[in-house]
Amino acid sequence: MKRRTILSAGALGAVGLTLAACSDGSGGGSGEGEFDPGNRVTMIVPFSAGGGSDIAGRAIASGLEEVTGATITVENRVGGSGAVGYAGLSNAEGDGSVLLASETALITLPIVQDVDFTYESFTPIMKAGEDFNLVVVAADSPYQSISDVIEAAKSEQLTAAVSGATGPDHIAWSLIEEEQGITLERVTFESSSEVLAALMGGHVQVAASSPGELTGQLESGDVRALCALAPERYEYDLLKDIPTGSEEGVNVTFAQWRGFIAPGGIEDAAREYWIEKAKEYEQTDAYTEFIESNMLQPTTAYGDEFVAYLKQYAADVESVLGS
């Protein structure tokens, strides 16, 4: 059976470094110039409160406050599986005091929806980290492994919750369906918190989500993880006993990323300012706490290196969703 892998952590580092080295303004250096974002900065979160994007956006905003001294206000702009929030960033073109907590929807939305932007419409600043989805069921589910889910799906219709019609869990299920020759009925929600509520309420049978979105439910025992769609087992204590998909015969690896971007058309000085502040943020205890509390992999990229990562990510996701 073929192995289907998409964007495992660190896989694109060499590509990003090569392109960064060949471009003007690699996103390094002091480069702050005379740009000043002012005392009030807006961080748009394109999904509802309580989900992984909201958690990431608030953590990054808080960390950037520490290194900039500015007040960063988080605004949840919900709708269209993230499209409303990204449209808001488009409308702020040229404004270096507006940021957006970004993730996979930046790439998937232009592929599956008629939107007026791509990742090239914006100014990528920082990829803060990556994580791999866990496949989970409710505590009382009869399924004890991902193999049980696969076998059941071959003879009956199973419902799988997804957060947004184009989110990372949707891609993960698409990869699993392709590899295993099954079809799951998707039920779409606006946030991972709604996904978990539906799963624990018995309205759907299975879900896939990032570890940071599941910590409380895993600790309480309200959900059980069947596998991690990762190349190897996690080392975090809460996750270390969860088998990988490949251990169960599901050879799918999927990593999503989290970070932040700025509007297109901002001054070079503004871009360099935010890249410099993001690098300062990476050195803080706040960044370490964000990574560890959400069980992310601390694989960062800045400026042009982040652009190179997104270019390859877009090509790979297009191969899944663009058909």
C-alpha atoms as a PDB file:
ATOM      1  CA  MET A   1       0.000   0.000   0.000  1.00  0.00           C
ATOM      2  CA  LYS A   2       1.439   3.358  -0.965  1.00  0.00           C
ATOM      3  CA  ARG A   3       2.493   5.842   1.659  1.00  0.00           C
ATOM      4  CA  ARG A   4       0.904   9.304   1.337  1.00  0.00           C
ATOM      5  CA  THR A   5       2.740  12.001   3.246  1.00  0.00           C
ATOM      6  CA  ILE A   6       1.998  15.713   3.181  1.00  0.00           C
ATOM      7  CA  LEU A   7       4.242  18.308   4.741  1.00  0.00           C
ATOM      8  CA  SER A   8       5.684  16.550   7.754  1.00  0.00           C
ATOM      9  CA  ALA A   9       7.489  18.805  10.238  1.00  0.00           C
ATOM     10  CA  GLY A  10      10.746  20.144   8.925  1.00  0.00           C
ATOM     11  CA  ALA A  11      10.390  18.527   5.492  1.00  0.00           C
ATOM     12  CA  LEU A  12      10.484  21.824   3.668  1.00  0.00           C
ATOM     13  CA  GLY A  13      13.357  23.458   5.533  1.00  0.00           C
ATOM     14  CA  ALA A  14      15.909  22.936   2.785  1.00  0.00           C
ATOM     15  CA  VAL A  15      13.595  24.356   0.123  1.00  0.00           C
ATOM     16  CA  GLY A  16      12.781  27.384   2.256  1.00  0.00           C
ATOM     17  CA  LEU A  17      16.390  28.099   3.097  1.00  0.00           C
ATOM     18  CA  THR A  18      17.445  27.832  -0.534  1.00  0.00           C
ATOM     19  CA  LEU A  19      14.804  30.255  -1.758  1.00  0.00           C
ATOM     20  CA  ALA A  20      15.424  32.632   1.125  1.00  0.00           C
ATOM     21  CA  ALA A  21      19.114  32.760   0.306  1.00  0.00           C
ATOM     22  CA  CYS A  22      18.379  33.667  -3.318  1.00  0.00           C
ATOM     23  CA  SER A  23      15.915  36.461  -2.658  1.00  0.00           C
ATOM     24  CA  ASP A  24      16.200  40.100  -1.705  1.00  0.00           C
ATOM     25  CA  GLY A  25      15.366  40.943   1.919  1.00  0.00           C
ATOM     26  CA  SER A  26      15.336  37.489   3.481  1.00  0.00           C
ATOM     27  CA  GLY A  27      13.423  38.591   6.528  1.00  0.00           C
ATOM     28  CA  GLY A  28      16.444  38.794   8.783  1.00  0.00           C
ATOM     29  CA  GLY A  29      18.489  41.666  10.129  1.00  0.00           C
ATOM     30  CA  SER A  30      17.450  44.501  12.359  1.00  0.00           C
ATOM     31  CA  GLY A  31      15.465  46.316   9.658  1.00  0.00           C
ATOM     32  CA  GLU A  32      12.964  48.033  11.948  1.00  0.00           C
ATOM     33  CA  GLY A  33      13.527  51.415  10.260  1.00  0.00           C
ATOM     34  CA  GLU A  34      11.129  54.097  11.398  1.00  0.00           C
ATOM     35  CA  PHE A  35       8.017  51.938  11.404  1.00  0.00           C
ATOM     36  CA  ASP A  36       5.856  52.201  14.503  1.00  0.00           C
ATOM     37  CA  PRO A  37       2.576  50.224  14.663  1.00  0.00           C
ATOM     38  CA  GLY A  38       1.233  52.566  17.306  1.00  0.00           C
ATOM     39  CA  ASN A  39      -0.130  51.681  20.696  1.00  0.00           C
ATOM     40  CA  ARG A  40      -3.030  49.612  19.393  1.00  0.00           C
ATOM     41  CA  VAL A  41      -2.673  46.627  17.060  1.00  0.00           C
ATOM     42  CA  THR A  42      -5.417  44.279  15.878  1.00  0.00           C
ATOM     43  CA  MET A  43      -4.943  40.502  15.655  1.00  0.00           C
ATOM     44  CA  ILE A  44      -7.715  38.975  13.552  1.00  0.00           C
ATOM     45  CA  VAL A  45      -8.691  35.385  14.337  1.00  0.00           C
ATOM     46  CA  PRO A  46     -10.754  34.009  11.427  1.00  0.00           C
ATOM     47  CA  PHE A  47     -12.524  31.389  13.561  1.00  0.00           C
ATOM     48  CA  SER A  48     -14.660  31.421  16.688  1.00  0.00           C
ATOM     49  CA  ALA A  49     -13.442  31.618  20.275  1.00  0.00           C
ATOM     50  CA  GLY A  50     -12.211  28.458  21.938  1.00  0.00           C
ATOM     51  CA  GLY A  51     -10.729  26.655  18.945  1.00  0.00           C
ATOM     52  CA  GLY A  52      -7.118  26.083  18.003  1.00  0.00           C
ATOM     53  CA  SER A  53      -6.868  29.212  15.870  1.00  0.00           C
ATOM     54  CA  ASP A  54      -8.252  31.315  18.689  1.00  0.00           C
ATOM     55  CA  ILE A  55      -5.861  29.754  21.206  1.00  0.00           C
ATOM     56  CA  ALA A  56      -2.918  30.380  18.878  1.00  0.00           C
ATOM     57  CA  GLY A  57      -3.992  33.922  18.014  1.00  0.00           C
ATOM     58  CA  ARG A  58      -4.373  34.953  21.630  1.00  0.00           C
ATOM     59  CA  ALA A  59      -1.076  33.350  22.657  1.00  0.00           C
ATOM     60  CA  ILE A  60       0.849  35.000  19.816  1.00  0.00           C
ATOM     61  CA  ALA A  61      -0.844  38.351  20.453  1.00  0.00           C
ATOM     62  CA  SER A  62       0.077  38.189  24.125  1.00  0.00           C
ATOM     63  CA  GLY A  63       3.671  37.298  23.302  1.00  0.00           C
ATOM     64  CA  LEU A  64       3.979  40.115  20.780  1.00  0.00           C
ATOM     65  CA  GLU A  65       2.600  42.547  23.341  1.00  0.00           C
ATOM     66  CA  GLU A  66       5.496  41.568  25.581  1.00  0.00           C
ATOM     67  CA  VAL A  67       8.142  42.384  22.970  1.00  0.00           C
ATOM     68  CA  THR A  68       6.488  45.439  21.368  1.00  0.00           C
ATOM     69  CA  GLY A  69       4.836  47.195  24.306  1.00  0.00           C
ATOM     70  CA  ALA A  70       1.718  47.722  22.158  1.00  0.00           C
ATOM     71  CA  THR A  71      -1.803  46.666  23.092  1.00  0.00           C
ATOM     72  CA  ILE A  72      -2.864  43.909  20.692  1.00  0.00           C
ATOM     73  CA  THR A  73      -6.626  43.394  20.523  1.00  0.00           C
ATOM     74  CA  VAL A  74      -7.871  40.010  19.326  1.00  0.00           C
ATOM     75  CA  GLU A  75     -10.954  40.110  17.099  1.00  0.00           C
ATOM     76  CA  ASN A  76     -12.795  36.920  16.129  1.00  0.00           C
ATOM     77  CA  ARG A  77     -14.257  37.432  12.656  1.00  0.00           C
ATOM     78  CA  VAL A  78     -16.184  34.258  11.985  1.00  0.00           C
ATOM     79  CA  GLY A  79     -17.774  32.887   8.845  1.00  0.00           C
ATOM     80  CA  GLY A  80     -17.162  31.137   5.563  1.00  0.00           C
ATOM     81  CA  SER A  81     -14.748  28.602   7.072  1.00  0.00           C
ATOM     82  CA  GLY A  82     -12.319  31.468   7.725  1.00  0.00           C
ATOM     83  CA  ALA A  83     -13.061  33.506   4.588  1.00  0.00           C
ATOM     84  CA  VAL A  84     -14.613  36.406   6.505  1.00  0.00           C
ATOM     85  CA  GLY A  85     -11.484  36.913   8.598  1.00  0.00           C
ATOM     86  CA  TYR A  86      -9.122  36.738   5.641  1.00  0.00           C
ATOM     87  CA  ALA A  87     -11.348  39.166   3.712  1.00  0.00           C
ATOM     88  CA  GLY A  88     -10.967  41.546   6.644  1.00  0.00           C
ATOM     89  CA  LEU A  89      -7.206  41.344   6.313  1.00  0.00           C
ATOM     90  CA  SER A  90      -7.513  42.016   2.581  1.00  0.00           C
ATOM     91  CA  ASN A  91      -9.492  45.154   3.369  1.00  0.00           C
ATOM     92  CA  ALA A  92      -6.622  46.342   5.602  1.00  0.00           C
ATOM     93  CA  GLU A  93      -4.091  46.358   2.748  1.00  0.00           C
ATOM     94  CA  GLY A  94      -1.096  48.527   3.538  1.00  0.00           C
ATOM     95  CA  ASP A  95      -1.915  48.781   7.250  1.00  0.00           C
ATOM     96  CA  GLY A  96       0.986  47.504   9.337  1.00  0.00           C
ATOM     97  CA  SER A  97      -1.038  47.658  12.561  1.00  0.00           C
ATOM     98  CA  VAL A  98      -3.289  44.737  11.548  1.00  0.00           C
ATOM     99  CA  LEU A  99      -2.244  41.074  11.821  1.00  0.00           C
ATOM    100  CA  LEU A 100      -4.014  37.740  11.387  1.00  0.00           C
ATOM    101  CA  ALA A 101      -3.519  34.438  13.215  1.00  0.00           C
ATOM    102  CA  SER A 102      -3.140  32.185  10.210  1.00  0.00           C
ATOM    103  CA  GLU A 103      -3.245  28.457   9.536  1.00  0.00           C
ATOM    104  CA  THR A 104      -4.182  25.962   6.845  1.00  0.00           C
ATOM    105  CA  ALA A 105      -7.296  27.844   5.683  1.00  0.00           C
ATOM    106  CA  LEU A 106      -4.995  30.447   4.121  1.00  0.00           C
ATOM    107  CA  ILE A 107      -4.066  27.782   1.572  1.00  0.00           C
ATOM    108  CA  THR A 108      -7.258  25.755   1.301  1.00  0.00           C
ATOM    109  CA  LEU A 109      -9.829  28.539   0.916  1.00  0.00           C
ATOM    110  CA  PRO A 110      -8.600  29.788  -2.491  1.00  0.00           C
ATOM    111  CA  ILE A 111      -8.592  26.191  -3.773  1.00  0.00           C
ATOM    112  CA  VAL A 112     -12.171  25.306  -2.865  1.00  0.00           C
ATOM    113  CA  GLN A 113     -13.988  28.633  -2.628  1.00  0.00           C
ATOM    114  CA  ASP A 114     -14.386  31.645  -4.871  1.00  0.00           C
ATOM    115  CA  VAL A 115     -12.413  34.131  -2.779  1.00  0.00           C
ATOM    116  CA  ASP A 116     -10.433  37.185  -3.852  1.00  0.00           C
ATOM    117  CA  PHE A 117      -7.138  36.219  -2.224  1.00  0.00           C
ATOM    118  CA  THR A 118      -4.350  33.660  -2.049  1.00  0.00           C
ATOM    119  CA  TYR A 119      -1.406  33.484   0.329  1.00  0.00           C
ATOM    120  CA  GLU A 120       0.390  35.767  -2.147  1.00  0.00           C
ATOM    121  CA  SER A 121      -2.127  38.523  -1.363  1.00  0.00           C
ATOM    122  CA  PHE A 122      -0.678  38.899   2.134  1.00  0.00           C
ATOM    123  CA  THR A 123       2.664  39.365   3.895  1.00  0.00           C
ATOM    124  CA  PRO A 124       3.752  36.159   5.687  1.00  0.00           C
ATOM    125  CA  ILE A 125       5.609  36.982   8.898  1.00  0.00           C
ATOM    126  CA  MET A 126       6.070  33.904  11.089  1.00  0.00           C
ATOM    127  CA  LYS A 127       5.336  30.190  11.054  1.00  0.00           C
ATOM    128  CA  ALA A 128       5.292  29.558  14.792  1.00  0.00           C
ATOM    129  CA  GLY A 129       4.988  25.780  14.815  1.00  0.00           C
ATOM    130  CA  GLU A 130       3.403  22.639  13.418  1.00  0.00           C
ATOM    131  CA  ASP A 131       1.318  19.822  14.797  1.00  0.00           C
ATOM    132  CA  PHE A 132      -0.117  16.515  13.661  1.00  0.00           C
ATOM    133  CA  ASN A 133      -3.771  15.555  13.882  1.00  0.00           C
ATOM    134  CA  LEU A 134      -5.093  12.933  16.262  1.00  0.00           C
ATOM    135  CA  VAL A 135      -8.023  10.725  15.253  1.00  0.00           C
ATOM    136  CA  VAL A 136     -10.409  10.617  18.213  1.00  0.00           C
ATOM    137  CA  VAL A 137     -13.716   9.094  19.319  1.00  0.00           C
ATOM    138  CA  ALA A 138     -15.975   9.613  22.323  1.00  0.00           C
ATOM    139  CA  ALA A 139     -15.127   7.715  25.493  1.00  0.00           C
ATOM    140  CA  ASP A 140     -18.010   5.269  25.017  1.00  0.00           C
ATOM    141  CA  SER A 141     -17.338   4.603  21.329  1.00  0.00           C
ATOM    142  CA  PRO A 142     -17.176   0.943  20.297  1.00  0.00           C
ATOM    143  CA  TYR A 143     -14.148   1.708  18.091  1.00  0.00           C
ATOM    144  CA  GLN A 144     -10.880   0.855  19.796  1.00  0.00           C
ATOM    145  CA  SER A 145      -8.518   1.612  16.911  1.00  0.00           C
ATOM    146  CA  ILE A 146      -8.378   3.422  13.591  1.00  0.00           C
ATOM    147  CA  SER A 147      -8.503  -0.038  12.003  1.00  0.00           C
ATOM    148  CA  ASP A 148     -11.937  -0.534  13.600  1.00  0.00           C
ATOM    149  CA  VAL A 149     -13.119   2.729  12.045  1.00  0.00           C
ATOM    150  CA  ILE A 150     -11.797   1.752   8.616  1.00  0.00           C
ATOM    151  CA  GLU A 151     -13.455  -1.661   8.724  1.00  0.00           C
ATOM    152  CA  ALA A 152     -16.784  -0.219   9.889  1.00  0.00           C
ATOM    153  CA  ALA A 153     -16.721   2.399   7.129  1.00  0.00           C
ATOM    154  CA  LYS A 154     -16.475  -0.333   4.514  1.00  0.00           C
ATOM    155  CA  SER A 155     -19.876  -1.713   5.474  1.00  0.00           C
ATOM    156  CA  GLU A 156     -21.789   1.208   6.985  1.00  0.00           C
ATOM    157  CA  GLN A 157     -22.017   4.987   6.794  1.00  0.00           C
ATOM    158  CA  LEU A 158     -19.900   6.683   9.477  1.00  0.00           C
ATOM    159  CA  THR A 159     -20.043  10.403  10.273  1.00  0.00           C
ATOM    160  CA  ALA A 160     -16.825  12.374  10.679  1.00  0.00           C
ATOM    161  CA  ALA A 161     -16.863  15.898  12.107  1.00  0.00           C
ATOM    162  CA  VAL A 162     -14.690  18.543  10.472  1.00  0.00           C
ATOM    163  CA  SER A 163     -13.885  22.081  11.590  1.00  0.00           C
ATOM    164  CA  GLY A 164     -14.498  24.142   8.477  1.00  0.00           C
ATOM    165  CA  ALA A 165     -15.109  22.707   5.030  1.00  0.00           C
ATOM    166  CA  THR A 166     -11.467  23.248   4.069  1.00  0.00           C
ATOM    167  CA  GLY A 167      -9.662  22.728   7.369  1.00  0.00           C
ATOM    168  CA  PRO A 168      -6.751  20.417   8.147  1.00  0.00           C
ATOM    169  CA  ASP A 169      -9.017  17.687   9.480  1.00  0.00           C
ATOM    170  CA  HIS A 170     -10.934  17.733   6.177  1.00  0.00           C
ATOM    171  CA  ILE A 171      -7.639  17.213   4.352  1.00  0.00           C
ATOM    172  CA  ALA A 172      -6.635  14.453   6.758  1.00  0.00           C
ATOM    173  CA  TRP A 173      -9.884  12.580   6.145  1.00  0.00           C
ATOM    174  CA  SER A 174      -9.486  13.036   2.387  1.00  0.00           C
ATOM    175  CA  LEU A 175      -6.049  11.447   2.554  1.00  0.00           C
ATOM    176  CA  ILE A 176      -7.354   8.552   4.666  1.00  0.00           C
ATOM    177  CA  GLU A 177     -10.318   7.990   2.354  1.00  0.00           C
ATOM    178  CA  GLU A 178      -8.052   7.982  -0.699  1.00  0.00           C
ATOM    179  CA  GLU A 179      -5.586   5.555   0.793  1.00  0.00           C
ATOM    180  CA  GLN A 180      -8.085   3.197   2.409  1.00  0.00           C
ATOM    181  CA  GLY A 181     -10.784   3.255  -0.284  1.00  0.00           C
ATOM    182  CA  ILE A 182     -13.586   4.396   2.030  1.00  0.00           C
ATOM    183  CA  THR A 183     -16.038   7.289   2.167  1.00  0.00           C
ATOM    184  CA  LEU A 184     -17.112   9.078   5.348  1.00  0.00           C
ATOM    185  CA  GLU A 185     -20.078  11.398   5.705  1.00  0.00           C
ATOM    186  CA  ARG A 186     -18.675  14.805   6.685  1.00  0.00           C
ATOM    187  CA  VAL A 187     -20.477  17.066   9.149  1.00  0.00           C
ATOM    188  CA  THR A 188     -19.013  20.579   9.079  1.00  0.00           C
ATOM    189  CA  PHE A 189     -18.713  22.889  12.091  1.00  0.00           C
ATOM    190  CA  GLU A 190     -17.214  26.356  12.449  1.00  0.00           C
ATOM    191  CA  SER A 191     -14.725  25.480  15.206  1.00  0.00           C
ATOM    192  CA  SER A 192     -12.981  22.589  16.908  1.00  0.00           C
ATOM    193  CA  SER A 193     -14.912  23.294  20.115  1.00  0.00           C
ATOM    194  CA  GLU A 194     -18.151  22.596  18.217  1.00  0.00           C
ATOM    195  CA  VAL A 195     -16.592  19.434  16.783  1.00  0.00           C
ATOM    196  CA  LEU A 196     -15.772  18.149  20.262  1.00  0.00           C
ATOM    197  CA  ALA A 197     -19.240  18.988  21.564  1.00  0.00           C
ATOM    198  CA  ALA A 198     -20.800  17.035  18.697  1.00  0.00           C
ATOM    199  CA  LEU A 199     -18.451  14.101  19.230  1.00  0.00           C
ATOM    200  CA  MET A 200     -19.059  13.862  22.968  1.00  0.00           C
ATOM    201  CA  GLY A 201     -22.796  14.365  22.417  1.00  0.00           C
ATOM    202  CA  GLY A 202     -22.976  11.381  20.102  1.00  0.00           C
ATOM    203  CA  HIS A 203     -23.939  13.415  17.026  1.00  0.00           C
ATOM    204  CA  VAL A 204     -20.867  12.253  15.063  1.00  0.00           C
ATOM    205  CA  GLN A 205     -18.798   9.108  15.405  1.00  0.00           C
ATOM    206  CA  VAL A 206     -15.229  10.188  14.764  1.00  0.00           C
ATOM    207  CA  ALA A 207     -13.145  13.347  14.459  1.00  0.00           C
ATOM    208  CA  ALA A 208      -9.583  14.477  13.784  1.00  0.00           C
ATOM    209  CA  SER A 209      -8.045  17.423  15.568  1.00  0.00           C
ATOM    210  CA  SER A 210      -4.740  18.819  16.752  1.00  0.00           C
ATOM    211  CA  PRO A 211      -3.475  17.795  20.211  1.00  0.00           C
ATOM    212  CA  GLY A 212      -3.715  21.298  21.653  1.00  0.00           C
ATOM    213  CA  GLU A 213      -7.434  21.377  20.937  1.00  0.00           C
ATOM    214  CA  LEU A 214      -7.946  18.058  22.742  1.00  0.00           C
ATOM    215  CA  THR A 215      -5.840  18.366  25.880  1.00  0.00           C
ATOM    216  CA  GLY A 216      -8.673  18.862  28.362  1.00  0.00           C
ATOM    217  CA  GLN A 217     -10.860  16.128  26.882  1.00  0.00           C
ATOM    218  CA  LEU A 218      -7.986  13.643  26.728  1.00  0.00           C
ATOM    219  CA  GLU A 219      -7.052  14.361  30.337  1.00  0.00           C
ATOM    220  CA  SER A 220     -10.666  14.018  31.509  1.00  0.00           C
ATOM    221  CA  GLY A 221     -11.221  10.859  29.494  1.00  0.00           C
ATOM    222  CA  ASP A 222     -14.171  12.318  27.579  1.00  0.00           C
ATOM    223  CA  VAL A 223     -12.459  11.395  24.297  1.00  0.00           C
ATOM    224  CA  ARG A 224     -10.047   8.651  23.298  1.00  0.00           C
ATOM    225  CA  ALA A 225      -7.285   9.028  20.726  1.00  0.00           C
ATOM    226  CA  LEU A 226      -7.075   6.150  18.264  1.00  0.00           C
ATOM    227  CA  CYS A 227      -3.922   7.267  16.467  1.00  0.00           C
ATOM    228  CA  ALA A 228      -1.685  10.200  15.584  1.00  0.00           C
ATOM    229  CA  LEU A 229      -1.243  11.054  11.898  1.00  0.00           C
ATOM    230  CA  ALA A 230       2.446  11.603  12.554  1.00  0.00           C
ATOM    231  CA  PRO A 231       5.671   9.970  11.346  1.00  0.00           C
ATOM    232  CA  GLU A 232       6.510   8.871  14.884  1.00  0.00           C
ATOM    233  CA  ARG A 233       4.908   8.896  18.305  1.00  0.00           C
ATOM    234  CA  TYR A 234       4.706  12.117  20.273  1.00  0.00           C
ATOM    235  CA  GLU A 235       7.050  12.487  23.238  1.00  0.00           C
ATOM    236  CA  TYR A 236       4.641  14.522  25.379  1.00  0.00           C
ATOM    237  CA  ASP A 237       3.495  12.467  28.393  1.00  0.00           C
ATOM    238  CA  LEU A 238      -0.180  12.780  27.505  1.00  0.00           C
ATOM    239  CA  LEU A 239       0.384  11.522  23.939  1.00  0.00           C
ATOM    240  CA  LYS A 240       3.320   9.133  24.083  1.00  0.00           C
ATOM    241  CA  ASP A 241       1.172   5.979  24.247  1.00  0.00           C
ATOM    242  CA  ILE A 242      -0.930   6.896  21.203  1.00  0.00           C
ATOM    243  CA  PRO A 243       0.098   4.783  18.189  1.00  0.00           C
ATOM    244  CA  THR A 244       0.828   6.384  14.855  1.00  0.00           C
ATOM    245  CA  GLY A 245      -1.493   5.730  11.954  1.00  0.00           C
ATOM    246  CA  SER A 246       1.191   3.695  10.216  1.00  0.00           C
ATOM    247  CA  GLU A 247       1.359   1.367  13.213  1.00  0.00           C
ATOM    248  CA  GLU A 248      -2.309   0.635  12.519  1.00  0.00           C
ATOM    249  CA  GLY A 249      -1.911   0.303   8.755  1.00  0.00           C
ATOM    250  CA  VAL A 250      -3.009   3.858   7.868  1.00  0.00           C
ATOM    251  CA  ASN A 251      -0.010   5.347   6.085  1.00  0.00           C
ATOM    252  CA  VAL A 252      -1.077   8.980   6.161  1.00  0.00           C
ATOM    253  CA  THR A 253       0.972  11.740   7.774  1.00  0.00           C
ATOM    254  CA  PHE A 254      -0.437  15.240   8.031  1.00  0.00           C
ATOM    255  CA  ALA A 255       1.012  18.345   9.649  1.00  0.00           C
ATOM    256  CA  GLN A 256      -0.756  21.658   9.962  1.00  0.00           C
ATOM    257  CA  TRP A 257       0.949  24.915  10.868  1.00  0.00           C
ATOM    258  CA  ARG A 258       0.171  28.006  12.918  1.00  0.00           C
ATOM    259  CA  GLY A 259       1.604  31.478  12.676  1.00  0.00           C
ATOM    260  CA  PHE A 260       0.710  35.026  11.720  1.00  0.00           C
ATOM    261  CA  ILE A 261       0.605  37.205   8.643  1.00  0.00           C
ATOM    262  CA  ALA A 262       0.125  40.890   7.845  1.00  0.00           C
ATOM    263  CA  PRO A 263      -1.832  42.561   5.043  1.00  0.00           C
ATOM    264  CA  GLY A 264      -0.394  42.877   1.576  1.00  0.00           C
ATOM    265  CA  GLY A 265       1.138  46.147   0.513  1.00  0.00           C
ATOM    266  CA  ILE A 266       2.712  47.092   3.829  1.00  0.00           C
ATOM    267  CA  GLU A 267       5.990  49.032   3.923  1.00  0.00           C
ATOM    268  CA  ASP A 268       9.228  47.052   3.895  1.00  0.00           C
ATOM    269  CA  ALA A 269      10.000  48.629   7.261  1.00  0.00           C
ATOM    270  CA  ALA A 270       6.735  47.280   8.676  1.00  0.00           C
ATOM    271  CA  ARG A 271       7.472  43.782   7.377  1.00  0.00           C
ATOM    272  CA  GLU A 272      10.959  43.830   8.848  1.00  0.00           C
ATOM    273  CA  TYR A 273       9.639  45.215  12.128  1.00  0.00           C
ATOM    274  CA  TRP A 274       7.180  42.347  12.592  1.00  0.00           C
ATOM    275  CA  ILE A 275       9.712  39.702  11.540  1.00  0.00           C
ATOM    276  CA  GLU A 276      12.191  41.092  14.063  1.00  0.00           C
ATOM    277  CA  LYS A 277       9.564  41.176  16.822  1.00  0.00           C
ATOM    278  CA  ALA A 278       8.455  37.640  15.945  1.00  0.00           C
ATOM    279  CA  LYS A 279      12.037  36.441  16.331  1.00  0.00           C
ATOM    280  CA  GLU A 280      12.218  38.152  19.709  1.00  0.00           C
ATOM    281  CA  TYR A 281       8.952  36.456  20.664  1.00  0.00           C
ATOM    282  CA  GLU A 282      10.446  33.050  19.790  1.00  0.00           C
ATOM    283  CA  GLN A 283      13.082  33.604  22.489  1.00  0.00           C
ATOM    284  CA  THR A 284      10.562  34.294  25.258  1.00  0.00           C
ATOM    285  CA  ASP A 285       9.069  32.025  27.898  1.00  0.00           C
ATOM    286  CA  ALA A 286       5.677  32.930  26.422  1.00  0.00           C
ATOM    287  CA  TYR A 287       6.576  31.224  23.144  1.00  0.00           C
ATOM    288  CA  THR A 288       7.845  28.122  24.938  1.00  0.00           C
ATOM    289  CA  GLU A 289       4.649  27.977  26.981  1.00  0.00           C
ATOM    290  CA  PHE A 290       2.523  28.307  23.833  1.00  0.00           C
ATOM    291  CA  ILE A 291       4.357  25.463  22.093  1.00  0.00           C
ATOM    292  CA  GLU A 292       4.428  23.106  25.051  1.00  0.00           C
ATOM    293  CA  SER A 293       0.899  23.741  26.334  1.00  0.00           C
ATOM    294  CA  ASN A 294      -0.492  23.097  22.846  1.00  0.00           C
ATOM    295  CA  MET A 295       1.928  20.233  22.153  1.00  0.00           C
ATOM    296  CA  LEU A 296       3.216  21.757  18.931  1.00  0.00           C
ATOM    297  CA  GLN A 297       6.508  21.155  17.170  1.00  0.00           C
ATOM    298  CA  PRO A 298       8.598  24.388  17.391  1.00  0.00           C
ATOM    299  CA  THR A 299       9.516  24.535  13.689  1.00  0.00           C
ATOM    300  CA  THR A 300       9.667  28.241  12.849  1.00  0.00           C
ATOM    301  CA  ALA A 301      10.078  30.107   9.574  1.00  0.00           C
ATOM    302  CA  TYR A 302      10.162  33.843   8.860  1.00  0.00           C
ATOM    303  CA  GLY A 303       9.630  36.123   5.893  1.00  0.00           C
ATOM    304  CA  ASP A 304      10.847  34.636   2.614  1.00  0.00           C
ATOM    305  CA  GLU A 305      11.471  31.224   4.177  1.00  0.00           C
ATOM    306  CA  PHE A 306       7.840  31.182   5.314  1.00  0.00           C
ATOM    307  CA  VAL A 307       6.752  32.188   1.788  1.00  0.00           C
ATOM    308  CA  ALA A 308       8.700  29.242   0.348  1.00  0.00           C
ATOM    309  CA  TYR A 309       7.034  26.902   2.830  1.00  0.00           C
ATOM    310  CA  LEU A 310       3.581  28.200   1.862  1.00  0.00           C
ATOM    311  CA  LYS A 311       4.333  27.806  -1.845  1.00  0.00           C
ATOM    312  CA  GLN A 312       5.131  24.113  -1.408  1.00  0.00           C
ATOM    313  CA  TYR A 313       2.237  23.634   1.016  1.00  0.00           C
ATOM    314  CA  ALA A 314      -0.164  25.132  -1.534  1.00  0.00           C
ATOM    315  CA  ALA A 315       1.098  22.799  -4.261  1.00  0.00           C
ATOM    316  CA  ASP A 316       0.639  19.735  -2.058  1.00  0.00           C
ATOM    317  CA  VAL A 317      -2.815  20.717  -0.798  1.00  0.00           C
ATOM    318  CA  GLU A 318      -3.889  21.488  -4.385  1.00  0.00           C
ATOM    319  CA  SER A 319      -3.072  17.876  -5.244  1.00  0.00           C
ATOM    320  CA  VAL A 320      -5.592  16.765  -2.587  1.00  0.00           C
ATOM    321  CA  LEU A 321      -8.372  19.338  -2.896  1.00  0.00           C
ATOM    322  CA  GLY A 322      -8.006  20.653  -6.422  1.00  0.00           C
ATOM    323  CA  SER A 323      -9.265  17.621  -8.294  1.00  0.00           C
END
